Amino acid sequence: MGSFSIWHWLIVLLIVVMVFGTKKLKNMGSDLGGAVKGFKDGMKDGAASVDDDKPTAQVSASAAAAAQKNTIDVEAKTKS
């Protein structure tokens, strides 16, 4: 009762193939493979961009400080 034999799994596989069909299962398999490949590529790109962003973050902070010195803050006054 606790474990399934090979015959149980074969029957389940047969029912799945009958319900979905082989063409749809093939398409689902290729879509799943493409999604996994895209995820792995994204993880590699994300790790590379984190390493690349560190020097530019320091430059952008100094650029922001310089821009803040040149910025004029104006408050709009309402007529009363």
Protein backbone atom coordinates (compact mmCIF):
# COMPACT_ATOMS: atom_id res chain seq x y z
CA MET A 1 0.00 0.00 0.00
CA GLY A 2 2.88 2.38 0.73
CA SER A 3 4.87 1.94 -2.50
CA PHE A 4 3.92 1.67 -6.13
CA SER A 5 5.16 -1.07 -8.42
CA ILE A 6 6.32 -0.60 -12.00
CA TRP A 7 2.86 -1.62 -13.23
CA HIS A 8 1.23 1.26 -11.38
CA TRP A 9 3.63 3.76 -13.00
CA LEU A 10 3.08 2.25 -16.47
CA ILE A 11 -0.69 2.57 -16.08
CA VAL A 12 -0.32 6.20 -14.95
CA LEU A 13 1.97 6.91 -17.92
CA LEU A 14 -0.53 5.30 -20.31
CA ILE A 15 -3.39 7.41 -18.93
CA VAL A 16 -1.32 10.60 -19.21
CA VAL A 17 -0.43 9.81 -22.83
CA MET A 18 -4.07 9.06 -23.63
CA VAL A 19 -5.28 12.31 -22.05
CA PHE A 20 -2.67 14.70 -23.42
CA GLY A 21 -1.39 12.94 -26.53
CA THR A 22 2.20 12.48 -27.60
CA LYS A 23 2.44 15.71 -29.59
CA LYS A 24 1.36 17.89 -26.68
CA LEU A 25 3.68 16.04 -24.29
CA LYS A 26 6.58 16.57 -26.73
CA ASN A 27 5.79 20.30 -26.91
CA MET A 28 5.54 20.55 -23.13
CA GLY A 29 8.91 18.83 -22.77
CA SER A 30 10.63 21.18 -25.20
CA ASP A 31 9.01 24.21 -23.55
CA LEU A 32 10.18 23.03 -20.14
CA GLY A 33 13.70 22.47 -21.45
CA GLY A 34 13.76 25.95 -22.99
CA ALA A 35 12.56 27.48 -19.74
CA VAL A 36 15.27 25.72 -17.74
CA LYS A 37 17.93 26.83 -20.25
CA GLY A 38 16.65 30.43 -20.09
CA PHE A 39 16.71 30.32 -16.30
CA LYS A 40 20.31 29.07 -16.26
CA ASP A 41 21.37 31.77 -18.74
CA GLY A 42 19.62 34.39 -16.64
CA MET A 43 21.41 33.22 -13.51
CA LYS A 44 24.78 33.46 -15.31
CA ASP A 45 23.95 36.94 -16.63
CA GLY A 46 22.72 38.06 -13.23
CA ALA A 47 25.92 36.96 -11.52
CA ALA A 48 28.01 38.69 -14.19
CA SER A 49 26.03 41.93 -13.95
CA VAL A 50 26.36 42.01 -10.15
CA ASP A 51 30.14 41.85 -10.51
CA ASP A 52 30.11 44.49 -13.25
CA ASP A 53 27.80 46.88 -11.37
CA LYS A 54 30.07 47.42 -8.36
CA PRO A 55 32.52 49.89 -10.00
CA THR A 56 29.76 51.79 -11.80
CA ALA A 57 27.80 52.17 -8.56
CA GLN A 58 30.67 54.17 -7.07
CA VAL A 59 30.92 56.37 -10.16
CA SER A 60 27.18 56.97 -10.25
CA ALA A 61 27.18 57.93 -6.55
CA SER A 62 29.82 60.58 -7.14
CA ALA A 63 27.97 61.77 -10.24
CA ALA A 64 24.78 62.04 -8.20
CA ALA A 65 26.59 64.09 -5.54
CA ALA A 66 27.93 66.45 -8.21
CA ALA A 67 24.50 66.78 -9.78
CA GLN A 68 22.98 67.51 -6.37
CA LYS A 69 25.34 70.46 -5.90
CA ASN A 70 24.21 71.97 -9.20
CA THR A 71 20.50 71.36 -8.61
CA ILE A 72 18.35 74.30 -7.55
CA ASP A 73 15.50 73.40 -5.25
CA VAL A 74 12.52 75.64 -5.85
CA GLU A 75 9.37 75.60 -3.76
CA ALA A 76 6.18 76.71 -5.41
CA LYS A 77 4.28 79.16 -3.24
CA THR A 78 0.53 79.36 -3.43
CA LYS A 79 -1.27 82.66 -3.48
CA SER A 80 -3.25 83.28 -0.39
